Amino acid sequence: MPIKIPATLPAFNVLTREGVMVMDEDQAARQDIRPLKIGLLNLMPKKIQTENQFARLIGATPLQIELSLIRMSEHQTKNTAAEHMESFYRPFSEVAATGEKYDGLIITGAPIEHLPFEEVTYWDELRQVFDWTQSHVHSTFGVCWGGMAMIYHFHGVRKHMLEAKAFGCFRHRNMAPASPYLRGFSDDCVIPVSRWTEVKQAEIDAAPGLVTLLASDEVGPALVEDPAHRALYIFNHFEYDSDTLKQEYDRDVATGTPINVPLNYYPNDDPARMPLNRWRSHAHLLYGNWINQIYQSTPFELDEIGI
């Protein structure tokens, strides 16, 4: 079944062209099932690109998804048109005031790795979001910086600066083949990585209840389950498009920013050649499994979430 998003959202046409099933509100109203209500707290500067990436993954399941776009209340973006933000996004303060509940919530990364969490301008409100999820969201998925922020808030697991940027496509081991979130996964898989920070496995192991599901010998833990908080934390980027790492590399080259060619991304590590996507199938598996787990366990009545 399709994902339900406004027909005027740019992702509607993008996904339609790609063959992803989408529907507008009028079509959805004619189906006699409850859609899963999924929120996307988008902290990335390129809002539309990020919307497309996550909508593509959660819209590929056999379930009807209602996607809601959320932003931080006071933080303004300079990279997305004000008209787009006004038309499609709601500030978290408004969402919280209504008492709305969600079957799932994705919290994206943000390009502010160099800052201590406490120095982020919206840190206090983001902490409110994390606490709010415990009573208003059935399952939360923190991605990259968003995942690092969540695991720090709930468990005190710190992020550590790397000497050099972890940049490229790295092989990861399947640490928990029996996990429902890894249903259908191979023994290893490739995931795009683009970050200046890391979390350490020893600190995850020291936090009660956390379970590492995917990890790399080169770039450390990647996917962590936190059952007590009904959350997953992923520190890498299954959601990336085929050319996202290329865009980042080309941007840095153009501005003269020192950057290495992303590892294991271009054929023969040659940036003159088109990159290969070797993570798409596992990306769909992971997010499809997450949606399926929500569907299997969320209350039919939204009001019962968090009780």
C-alpha atoms as a PDB file:
ATOM      1  CA  MET A   1       0.000   0.000   0.000  1.00  0.00           C
ATOM      2  CA  PRO A   2       1.112   3.585  -0.526  1.00  0.00           C
ATOM      3  CA  ILE A   3       2.402   6.403   1.605  1.00  0.00           C
ATOM      4  CA  LYS A   4      -0.080   9.235   2.140  1.00  0.00           C
ATOM      5  CA  ILE A   5       1.430  12.667   1.561  1.00  0.00           C
ATOM      6  CA  PRO A   6       0.031  15.939   0.181  1.00  0.00           C
ATOM      7  CA  ALA A   7      -0.181  15.935  -3.601  1.00  0.00           C
ATOM      8  CA  THR A   8       1.611  19.303  -3.614  1.00  0.00           C
ATOM      9  CA  LEU A   9       4.663  18.056  -1.637  1.00  0.00           C
ATOM     10  CA  PRO A  10       7.642  17.715  -4.031  1.00  0.00           C
ATOM     11  CA  ALA A  11       8.170  14.123  -2.877  1.00  0.00           C
ATOM     12  CA  PHE A  12       4.754  13.185  -4.332  1.00  0.00           C
ATOM     13  CA  ASN A  13       5.898  13.626  -7.927  1.00  0.00           C
ATOM     14  CA  VAL A  14       9.421  12.335  -7.259  1.00  0.00           C
ATOM     15  CA  LEU A  15       8.159   9.058  -5.785  1.00  0.00           C
ATOM     16  CA  THR A  16       5.419   8.689  -8.394  1.00  0.00           C
ATOM     17  CA  ARG A  17       8.031   8.859 -11.162  1.00  0.00           C
ATOM     18  CA  GLU A  18      10.082   6.208  -9.367  1.00  0.00           C
ATOM     19  CA  GLY A  19       7.143   3.823  -9.132  1.00  0.00           C
ATOM     20  CA  VAL A  20       6.612   4.192  -5.369  1.00  0.00           C
ATOM     21  CA  MET A  21       2.929   4.000  -4.485  1.00  0.00           C
ATOM     22  CA  VAL A  22       1.678   7.345  -3.184  1.00  0.00           C
ATOM     23  CA  MET A  23      -1.811   8.689  -2.560  1.00  0.00           C
ATOM     24  CA  ASP A  24      -3.355  11.968  -1.557  1.00  0.00           C
ATOM     25  CA  GLU A  25      -5.813  12.481   1.292  1.00  0.00           C
ATOM     26  CA  ASP A  26      -8.916  11.972  -0.842  1.00  0.00           C
ATOM     27  CA  GLN A  27      -7.706   8.560  -2.020  1.00  0.00           C
ATOM     28  CA  ALA A  28      -6.652   7.528   1.470  1.00  0.00           C
ATOM     29  CA  ALA A  29     -10.040   8.400   2.937  1.00  0.00           C
ATOM     30  CA  ARG A  30     -11.673   5.760   0.754  1.00  0.00           C
ATOM     31  CA  GLN A  31      -9.595   2.953   2.303  1.00  0.00           C
ATOM     32  CA  ASP A  32     -11.167   1.379   5.374  1.00  0.00           C
ATOM     33  CA  ILE A  33      -7.954   0.828   7.379  1.00  0.00           C
ATOM     34  CA  ARG A  34      -6.044   3.040   9.791  1.00  0.00           C
ATOM     35  CA  PRO A  35      -2.822   4.379   8.258  1.00  0.00           C
ATOM     36  CA  LEU A  36       0.290   4.329  10.382  1.00  0.00           C
ATOM     37  CA  LYS A  37       1.063   7.862  11.497  1.00  0.00           C
ATOM     38  CA  ILE A  38       4.775   8.546  11.067  1.00  0.00           C
ATOM     39  CA  GLY A  39       6.440  11.854  11.924  1.00  0.00           C
ATOM     40  CA  LEU A  40       9.677  13.167  10.416  1.00  0.00           C
ATOM     41  CA  LEU A  41      11.515  15.681  12.609  1.00  0.00           C
ATOM     42  CA  ASN A  42      13.741  17.104   9.900  1.00  0.00           C
ATOM     43  CA  LEU A  43      16.904  18.763  11.212  1.00  0.00           C
ATOM     44  CA  MET A  44      18.768  18.715   7.899  1.00  0.00           C
ATOM     45  CA  PRO A  45      19.305  21.960   5.957  1.00  0.00           C
ATOM     46  CA  LYS A  46      18.193  20.485   2.611  1.00  0.00           C
ATOM     47  CA  LYS A  47      14.671  19.670   3.766  1.00  0.00           C
ATOM     48  CA  ILE A  48      13.214  18.499   0.446  1.00  0.00           C
ATOM     49  CA  GLN A  49      16.085  16.124  -0.312  1.00  0.00           C
ATOM     50  CA  THR A  50      15.741  14.572   3.143  1.00  0.00           C
ATOM     51  CA  GLU A  51      11.947  14.299   2.810  1.00  0.00           C
ATOM     52  CA  ASN A  52      12.369  12.407  -0.455  1.00  0.00           C
ATOM     53  CA  GLN A  53      14.939  10.029   0.996  1.00  0.00           C
ATOM     54  CA  PHE A  54      12.881   8.930   3.988  1.00  0.00           C
ATOM     55  CA  ALA A  55       9.531   8.987   2.189  1.00  0.00           C
ATOM     56  CA  ARG A  56      11.007   6.659  -0.425  1.00  0.00           C
ATOM     57  CA  LEU A  57      11.944   4.087   2.220  1.00  0.00           C
ATOM     58  CA  ILE A  58       8.862   4.139   4.418  1.00  0.00           C
ATOM     59  CA  GLY A  59       6.581   4.393   1.383  1.00  0.00           C
ATOM     60  CA  ALA A  60       7.777   1.091  -0.081  1.00  0.00           C
ATOM     61  CA  THR A  61       5.975  -1.159   2.427  1.00  0.00           C
ATOM     62  CA  PRO A  62       2.554  -2.822   1.964  1.00  0.00           C
ATOM     63  CA  LEU A  63       1.042  -0.500   4.579  1.00  0.00           C
ATOM     64  CA  GLN A  64      -0.599   2.892   4.293  1.00  0.00           C
ATOM     65  CA  ILE A  65       1.612   5.561   5.858  1.00  0.00           C
ATOM     66  CA  GLU A  66       0.579   9.091   6.807  1.00  0.00           C
ATOM     67  CA  LEU A  67       3.737  11.208   6.890  1.00  0.00           C
ATOM     68  CA  SER A  68       3.817  14.368   9.010  1.00  0.00           C
ATOM     69  CA  LEU A  69       6.695  16.861   8.738  1.00  0.00           C
ATOM     70  CA  ILE A  70       7.907  18.523  11.943  1.00  0.00           C
ATOM     71  CA  ARG A  71      10.519  21.204  12.614  1.00  0.00           C
ATOM     72  CA  MET A  72      12.093  22.718  15.683  1.00  0.00           C
ATOM     73  CA  SER A  73       9.978  25.627  16.881  1.00  0.00           C
ATOM     74  CA  GLU A  74      12.453  28.514  16.811  1.00  0.00           C
ATOM     75  CA  HIS A  75      15.177  27.255  14.482  1.00  0.00           C
ATOM     76  CA  GLN A  76      15.003  28.797  11.010  1.00  0.00           C
ATOM     77  CA  THR A  77      16.415  27.158   7.897  1.00  0.00           C
ATOM     78  CA  LYS A  78      18.195  29.118   5.169  1.00  0.00           C
ATOM     79  CA  ASN A  79      18.304  26.295   2.617  1.00  0.00           C
ATOM     80  CA  THR A  80      14.591  25.675   2.058  1.00  0.00           C
ATOM     81  CA  ALA A  81      12.003  28.156   0.839  1.00  0.00           C
ATOM     82  CA  ALA A  82       9.851  29.720   3.539  1.00  0.00           C
ATOM     83  CA  GLU A  83       6.760  28.855   1.497  1.00  0.00           C
ATOM     84  CA  HIS A  84       7.651  25.167   1.634  1.00  0.00           C
ATOM     85  CA  MET A  85       8.209  25.266   5.387  1.00  0.00           C
ATOM     86  CA  GLU A  86       4.954  27.139   5.942  1.00  0.00           C
ATOM     87  CA  SER A  87       2.958  24.778   3.733  1.00  0.00           C
ATOM     88  CA  PHE A  88       4.208  21.427   4.958  1.00  0.00           C
ATOM     89  CA  TYR A  89       5.897  21.743   8.366  1.00  0.00           C
ATOM     90  CA  ARG A  90       4.542  22.226  11.857  1.00  0.00           C
ATOM     91  CA  PRO A  91       6.691  23.387  14.771  1.00  0.00           C
ATOM     92  CA  PHE A  92       7.155  20.850  17.543  1.00  0.00           C
ATOM     93  CA  SER A  93       5.595  23.232  20.074  1.00  0.00           C
ATOM     94  CA  GLU A  94       2.345  23.107  18.113  1.00  0.00           C
ATOM     95  CA  VAL A  95       2.455  19.311  17.784  1.00  0.00           C
ATOM     96  CA  ALA A  96       3.071  18.909  21.508  1.00  0.00           C
ATOM     97  CA  ALA A  97       0.305  21.346  22.428  1.00  0.00           C
ATOM     98  CA  THR A  98      -2.289  19.329  20.517  1.00  0.00           C
ATOM     99  CA  GLY A  99      -1.442  16.093  22.339  1.00  0.00           C
ATOM    100  CA  GLU A 100      -1.045  14.243  19.033  1.00  0.00           C
ATOM    101  CA  LYS A 101       0.421  10.763  19.105  1.00  0.00           C
ATOM    102  CA  TYR A 102       2.443   8.934  16.466  1.00  0.00           C
ATOM    103  CA  ASP A 103       3.063   5.313  15.622  1.00  0.00           C
ATOM    104  CA  GLY A 104       6.608   6.208  14.598  1.00  0.00           C
ATOM    105  CA  LEU A 105       8.975   9.171  14.554  1.00  0.00           C
ATOM    106  CA  ILE A 106      12.205   9.643  12.598  1.00  0.00           C
ATOM    107  CA  ILE A 107      14.663  12.211  13.945  1.00  0.00           C
ATOM    108  CA  THR A 108      17.232  13.085  11.300  1.00  0.00           C
ATOM    109  CA  GLY A 109      20.846  14.064  11.554  1.00  0.00           C
ATOM    110  CA  ALA A 110      22.108  17.648  11.539  1.00  0.00           C
ATOM    111  CA  PRO A 111      25.399  19.146  10.273  1.00  0.00           C
ATOM    112  CA  ILE A 112      26.491  20.348  13.730  1.00  0.00           C
ATOM    113  CA  GLU A 113      28.728  17.481  14.844  1.00  0.00           C
ATOM    114  CA  HIS A 114      31.502  19.789  15.987  1.00  0.00           C
ATOM    115  CA  LEU A 115      29.303  21.358  18.663  1.00  0.00           C
ATOM    116  CA  PRO A 116      28.803  19.850  22.109  1.00  0.00           C
ATOM    117  CA  PHE A 117      25.138  18.902  22.412  1.00  0.00           C
ATOM    118  CA  GLU A 118      24.566  21.505  25.110  1.00  0.00           C
ATOM    119  CA  GLU A 119      25.745  24.292  22.773  1.00  0.00           C
ATOM    120  CA  VAL A 120      23.199  23.507  20.062  1.00  0.00           C
ATOM    121  CA  THR A 121      20.673  26.350  19.981  1.00  0.00           C
ATOM    122  CA  TYR A 122      17.655  24.034  20.071  1.00  0.00           C
ATOM    123  CA  TRP A 123      19.098  21.456  22.481  1.00  0.00           C
ATOM    124  CA  ASP A 124      16.625  22.175  25.286  1.00  0.00           C
ATOM    125  CA  GLU A 125      13.661  21.745  22.963  1.00  0.00           C
ATOM    126  CA  LEU A 126      15.159  18.613  21.413  1.00  0.00           C
ATOM    127  CA  ARG A 127      15.468  17.099  24.879  1.00  0.00           C
ATOM    128  CA  GLN A 128      11.770  17.849  25.320  1.00  0.00           C
ATOM    129  CA  VAL A 129      11.145  15.967  22.059  1.00  0.00           C
ATOM    130  CA  PHE A 130      13.048  12.933  23.345  1.00  0.00           C
ATOM    131  CA  ASP A 131      11.062  12.875  26.586  1.00  0.00           C
ATOM    132  CA  TRP A 132       7.798  13.492  24.701  1.00  0.00           C
ATOM    133  CA  THR A 133       8.410  10.394  22.570  1.00  0.00           C
ATOM    134  CA  GLN A 134       8.072   8.225  25.650  1.00  0.00           C
ATOM    135  CA  SER A 135       4.408   9.119  26.045  1.00  0.00           C
ATOM    136  CA  HIS A 136       3.413  10.114  22.503  1.00  0.00           C
ATOM    137  CA  VAL A 137       5.377   7.899  20.083  1.00  0.00           C
ATOM    138  CA  HIS A 138       5.279   4.126  19.803  1.00  0.00           C
ATOM    139  CA  SER A 139       8.703   3.745  18.124  1.00  0.00           C
ATOM    140  CA  THR A 140      11.418   6.340  17.470  1.00  0.00           C
ATOM    141  CA  PHE A 141      14.261   6.100  14.938  1.00  0.00           C
ATOM    142  CA  GLY A 142      17.202   8.445  15.561  1.00  0.00           C
ATOM    143  CA  VAL A 143      19.463   8.872  12.530  1.00  0.00           C
ATOM    144  CA  CYS A 144      23.167   9.882  12.559  1.00  0.00           C
ATOM    145  CA  TRP A 145      23.466  13.016  14.775  1.00  0.00           C
ATOM    146  CA  GLY A 146      19.844  12.504  15.831  1.00  0.00           C
ATOM    147  CA  GLY A 147      20.690   8.981  17.005  1.00  0.00           C
ATOM    148  CA  MET A 148      23.817  10.176  18.797  1.00  0.00           C
ATOM    149  CA  ALA A 149      21.808  12.889  20.531  1.00  0.00           C
ATOM    150  CA  MET A 150      19.156  10.402  21.668  1.00  0.00           C
ATOM    151  CA  ILE A 151      21.583   7.827  23.006  1.00  0.00           C
ATOM    152  CA  TYR A 152      23.400  10.611  24.859  1.00  0.00           C
ATOM    153  CA  HIS A 153      20.173  11.983  26.341  1.00  0.00           C
ATOM    154  CA  PHE A 154      18.823   8.640  27.530  1.00  0.00           C
ATOM    155  CA  HIS A 155      22.067   6.818  28.394  1.00  0.00           C
ATOM    156  CA  GLY A 156      24.921   9.326  28.594  1.00  0.00           C
ATOM    157  CA  VAL A 157      26.764   7.634  25.709  1.00  0.00           C
ATOM    158  CA  ARG A 158      29.019  10.365  24.324  1.00  0.00           C
ATOM    159  CA  LYS A 159      30.060  11.223  20.789  1.00  0.00           C
ATOM    160  CA  HIS A 160      33.786  11.459  20.131  1.00  0.00           C
ATOM    161  CA  MET A 161      35.547  13.496  17.449  1.00  0.00           C
ATOM    162  CA  LEU A 162      37.449  11.524  14.821  1.00  0.00           C
ATOM    163  CA  GLU A 163      40.919  12.486  13.601  1.00  0.00           C
ATOM    164  CA  ALA A 164      39.658  12.220  10.028  1.00  0.00           C
ATOM    165  CA  LYS A 165      36.159  12.138   8.574  1.00  0.00           C
ATOM    166  CA  ALA A 166      34.610   8.682   8.195  1.00  0.00           C
ATOM    167  CA  PHE A 167      33.555   9.049   4.583  1.00  0.00           C
ATOM    168  CA  GLY A 168      32.541   6.372   2.110  1.00  0.00           C
ATOM    169  CA  CYS A 169      30.785   3.014   1.972  1.00  0.00           C
ATOM    170  CA  PHE A 170      31.812   0.548   4.661  1.00  0.00           C
ATOM    171  CA  ARG A 171      30.985  -3.105   5.261  1.00  0.00           C
ATOM    172  CA  HIS A 172      29.029  -3.836   8.436  1.00  0.00           C
ATOM    173  CA  ARG A 173      28.508  -7.144  10.221  1.00  0.00           C
ATOM    174  CA  ASN A 174      25.083  -8.469  11.141  1.00  0.00           C
ATOM    175  CA  MET A 175      25.447  -8.811  14.922  1.00  0.00           C
ATOM    176  CA  ALA A 176      21.899 -10.025  15.643  1.00  0.00           C
ATOM    177  CA  PRO A 177      20.498 -12.168  12.802  1.00  0.00           C
ATOM    178  CA  ALA A 178      17.437 -13.063  14.883  1.00  0.00           C
ATOM    179  CA  SER A 179      16.426  -9.417  15.344  1.00  0.00           C
ATOM    180  CA  PRO A 180      13.124  -8.629  13.624  1.00  0.00           C
ATOM    181  CA  TYR A 181      14.702  -5.381  12.439  1.00  0.00           C
ATOM    182  CA  LEU A 182      17.282  -7.374  10.443  1.00  0.00           C
ATOM    183  CA  ARG A 183      14.854  -9.847   8.923  1.00  0.00           C
ATOM    184  CA  GLY A 184      16.165 -10.733   5.450  1.00  0.00           C
ATOM    185  CA  PHE A 185      19.583  -9.160   6.033  1.00  0.00           C
ATOM    186  CA  SER A 186      22.766 -10.744   4.734  1.00  0.00           C
ATOM    187  CA  ASP A 187      25.622 -11.617   7.090  1.00  0.00           C
ATOM    188  CA  ASP A 188      27.156  -8.296   6.135  1.00  0.00           C
ATOM    189  CA  CYS A 189      26.065  -5.216   4.229  1.00  0.00           C
ATOM    190  CA  VAL A 190      27.385  -1.909   2.923  1.00  0.00           C
ATOM    191  CA  ILE A 191      26.258   1.404   4.461  1.00  0.00           C
ATOM    192  CA  PRO A 192      27.195   4.956   3.440  1.00  0.00           C
ATOM    193  CA  VAL A 193      29.015   6.851   6.191  1.00  0.00           C
ATOM    194  CA  SER A 194      29.641  10.589   6.430  1.00  0.00           C
ATOM    195  CA  ARG A 195      30.560  11.903   9.875  1.00  0.00           C
ATOM    196  CA  TRP A 196      33.288  13.464  11.976  1.00  0.00           C
ATOM    197  CA  THR A 197      32.211  11.765  15.190  1.00  0.00           C
ATOM    198  CA  GLU A 198      31.667   8.275  16.547  1.00  0.00           C
ATOM    199  CA  VAL A 199      30.192   6.462  19.512  1.00  0.00           C
ATOM    200  CA  LYS A 200      32.272   3.741  21.109  1.00  0.00           C
ATOM    201  CA  GLN A 201      31.111   0.158  21.477  1.00  0.00           C
ATOM    202  CA  ALA A 202      32.533  -0.077  25.009  1.00  0.00           C
ATOM    203  CA  GLU A 203      30.310   2.783  26.161  1.00  0.00           C
ATOM    204  CA  ILE A 204      27.273   1.207  24.511  1.00  0.00           C
ATOM    205  CA  ASP A 205      28.062  -2.081  26.247  1.00  0.00           C
ATOM    206  CA  ALA A 206      28.262  -0.260  29.577  1.00  0.00           C
ATOM    207  CA  ALA A 207      24.734   1.130  29.175  1.00  0.00           C
ATOM    208  CA  PRO A 208      22.133  -1.379  30.398  1.00  0.00           C
ATOM    209  CA  GLY A 209      19.686  -2.679  27.815  1.00  0.00           C
ATOM    210  CA  LEU A 210      21.318  -1.438  24.617  1.00  0.00           C
ATOM    211  CA  VAL A 211      21.852  -4.006  21.850  1.00  0.00           C
ATOM    212  CA  THR A 212      24.139  -3.432  18.867  1.00  0.00           C
ATOM    213  CA  LEU A 213      22.585  -4.859  15.702  1.00  0.00           C
ATOM    214  CA  LEU A 214      25.044  -3.722  12.997  1.00  0.00           C
ATOM    215  CA  ALA A 215      28.712  -2.816  13.423  1.00  0.00           C
ATOM    216  CA  SER A 216      31.835  -2.220  11.362  1.00  0.00           C
ATOM    217  CA  ASP A 217      35.451  -3.049  12.159  1.00  0.00           C
ATOM    218  CA  GLU A 218      36.411   0.224  10.440  1.00  0.00           C
ATOM    219  CA  VAL A 219      33.799   2.745  11.615  1.00  0.00           C
ATOM    220  CA  GLY A 220      32.345   1.140  14.739  1.00  0.00           C
ATOM    221  CA  PRO A 221      28.756   0.488  15.831  1.00  0.00           C
ATOM    222  CA  ALA A 222      26.074   1.517  13.353  1.00  0.00           C
ATOM    223  CA  LEU A 223      22.635   0.355  14.516  1.00  0.00           C
ATOM    224  CA  VAL A 224      21.633   0.069  18.168  1.00  0.00           C
ATOM    225  CA  GLU A 225      18.313  -1.045  19.645  1.00  0.00           C
ATOM    226  CA  ASP A 226      17.033   0.546  22.856  1.00  0.00           C
ATOM    227  CA  PRO A 227      13.996  -1.544  23.863  1.00  0.00           C
ATOM    228  CA  ALA A 228      13.350   0.356  27.099  1.00  0.00           C
ATOM    229  CA  HIS A 229      12.789   3.578  25.148  1.00  0.00           C
ATOM    230  CA  ARG A 230      11.195   1.870  22.114  1.00  0.00           C
ATOM    231  CA  ALA A 231      13.946   3.307  19.935  1.00  0.00           C
ATOM    232  CA  LEU A 232      16.520   2.514  17.287  1.00  0.00           C
ATOM    233  CA  TYR A 233      19.671   4.572  16.767  1.00  0.00           C
ATOM    234  CA  ILE A 234      21.567   4.441  13.475  1.00  0.00           C
ATOM    235  CA  PHE A 235      24.737   6.457  13.067  1.00  0.00           C
ATOM    236  CA  ASN A 236      25.150   6.000   9.296  1.00  0.00           C
ATOM    237  CA  HIS A 237      23.051   6.737   6.227  1.00  0.00           C
ATOM    238  CA  PHE A 238      21.044   3.938   4.634  1.00  0.00           C
ATOM    239  CA  GLU A 239      18.665   6.653   3.402  1.00  0.00           C
ATOM    240  CA  TYR A 240      21.272   8.312   1.147  1.00  0.00           C
ATOM    241  CA  ASP A 241      20.620   8.581  -2.572  1.00  0.00           C
ATOM    242  CA  SER A 242      23.130   7.118  -5.000  1.00  0.00           C
ATOM    243  CA  ASP A 243      24.773  10.523  -5.495  1.00  0.00           C
ATOM    244  CA  THR A 244      24.577  11.999  -1.976  1.00  0.00           C
ATOM    245  CA  LEU A 245      28.203  11.241  -1.090  1.00  0.00           C
ATOM    246  CA  LYS A 246      29.199  12.587  -4.516  1.00  0.00           C
ATOM    247  CA  GLN A 247      27.365  15.831  -3.803  1.00  0.00           C
ATOM    248  CA  GLU A 248      29.202  16.180  -0.488  1.00  0.00           C
ATOM    249  CA  TYR A 249      32.557  15.400  -2.093  1.00  0.00           C
ATOM    250  CA  ASP A 250      32.007  17.780  -5.030  1.00  0.00           C
ATOM    251  CA  ARG A 251      30.885  20.537  -2.646  1.00  0.00           C
ATOM    252  CA  ASP A 252      34.039  20.260  -0.554  1.00  0.00           C
ATOM    253  CA  VAL A 253      36.301  20.115  -3.616  1.00  0.00           C
ATOM    254  CA  ALA A 254      34.597  23.215  -5.037  1.00  0.00           C
ATOM    255  CA  THR A 255      35.082  25.185  -1.801  1.00  0.00           C
ATOM    256  CA  GLY A 256      38.650  24.006  -1.272  1.00  0.00           C
ATOM    257  CA  THR A 257      37.769  22.102   1.886  1.00  0.00           C
ATOM    258  CA  PRO A 258      40.237  19.247   2.497  1.00  0.00           C
ATOM    259  CA  ILE A 259      38.413  15.977   1.817  1.00  0.00           C
ATOM    260  CA  ASN A 260      39.377  12.459   0.822  1.00  0.00           C
ATOM    261  CA  VAL A 261      37.659  10.592  -1.987  1.00  0.00           C
ATOM    262  CA  PRO A 262      34.856   8.568  -0.312  1.00  0.00           C
ATOM    263  CA  LEU A 263      36.115   5.022   0.159  1.00  0.00           C
ATOM    264  CA  ASN A 264      34.581   2.081  -1.710  1.00  0.00           C
ATOM    265  CA  TYR A 265      32.056   4.355  -3.431  1.00  0.00           C
ATOM    266  CA  TYR A 266      33.291   5.102  -6.932  1.00  0.00           C
ATOM    267  CA  PRO A 267      34.437   2.193  -9.135  1.00  0.00           C
ATOM    268  CA  ASN A 268      38.174   1.852  -8.471  1.00  0.00           C
ATOM    269  CA  ASP A 269      37.828   4.888  -6.161  1.00  0.00           C
ATOM    270  CA  ASP A 270      37.846   7.086  -9.268  1.00  0.00           C
ATOM    271  CA  PRO A 271      35.616  10.180  -8.780  1.00  0.00           C
ATOM    272  CA  ALA A 272      35.435  10.641 -12.538  1.00  0.00           C
ATOM    273  CA  ARG A 273      33.224   7.537 -12.725  1.00  0.00           C
ATOM    274  CA  MET A 274      29.594   7.175 -11.671  1.00  0.00           C
ATOM    275  CA  PRO A 275      29.207   5.813  -8.122  1.00  0.00           C
ATOM    276  CA  LEU A 276      27.500   2.487  -7.495  1.00  0.00           C
ATOM    277  CA  ASN A 277      24.591   2.050  -5.081  1.00  0.00           C
ATOM    278  CA  ARG A 278      25.283  -1.115  -3.054  1.00  0.00           C
ATOM    279  CA  TRP A 279      23.045  -0.385  -0.062  1.00  0.00           C
ATOM    280  CA  ARG A 280      19.579   0.221  -1.526  1.00  0.00           C
ATOM    281  CA  SER A 281      18.140  -3.262  -0.878  1.00  0.00           C
ATOM    282  CA  HIS A 282      19.246  -3.338   2.766  1.00  0.00           C
ATOM    283  CA  ALA A 283      17.949   0.203   3.257  1.00  0.00           C
ATOM    284  CA  HIS A 284      14.483  -0.888   2.166  1.00  0.00           C
ATOM    285  CA  LEU A 285      14.724  -4.001   4.340  1.00  0.00           C
ATOM    286  CA  LEU A 286      15.619  -2.060   7.479  1.00  0.00           C
ATOM    287  CA  TYR A 287      12.940   0.603   7.176  1.00  0.00           C
ATOM    288  CA  GLY A 288      10.389  -1.940   5.966  1.00  0.00           C
ATOM    289  CA  ASN A 289      11.141  -4.106   8.993  1.00  0.00           C
ATOM    290  CA  TRP A 290      10.800  -1.083  11.281  1.00  0.00           C
ATOM    291  CA  ILE A 291       7.420  -0.205   9.790  1.00  0.00           C
ATOM    292  CA  ASN A 292       6.314  -3.833  10.074  1.00  0.00           C
ATOM    293  CA  GLN A 293       7.317  -3.997  13.743  1.00  0.00           C
ATOM    294  CA  ILE A 294       5.337  -0.837  14.408  1.00  0.00           C
ATOM    295  CA  TYR A 295       2.319  -2.285  12.610  1.00  0.00           C
ATOM    296  CA  GLN A 296       2.548  -5.524  14.605  1.00  0.00           C
ATOM    297  CA  SER A 297       2.756  -3.835  18.001  1.00  0.00           C
ATOM    298  CA  THR A 298       1.191  -0.364  17.930  1.00  0.00           C
ATOM    299  CA  PRO A 299      -2.270   0.067  19.498  1.00  0.00           C
ATOM    300  CA  PHE A 300      -5.117   0.395  17.024  1.00  0.00           C
ATOM    301  CA  GLU A 301      -6.343   3.414  18.973  1.00  0.00           C
ATOM    302  CA  LEU A 302      -3.725   6.145  18.767  1.00  0.00           C
ATOM    303  CA  ASP A 303      -4.764   7.486  22.177  1.00  0.00           C
ATOM    304  CA  GLU A 304      -3.440   4.284  23.778  1.00  0.00           C
ATOM    305  CA  ILE A 305       0.140   4.920  22.644  1.00  0.00           C
ATOM    306  CA  GLY A 306       2.417   5.573  25.594  1.00  0.00           C
ATOM    307  CA  ILE A 307      -0.026   4.256  28.175  1.00  0.00           C
END
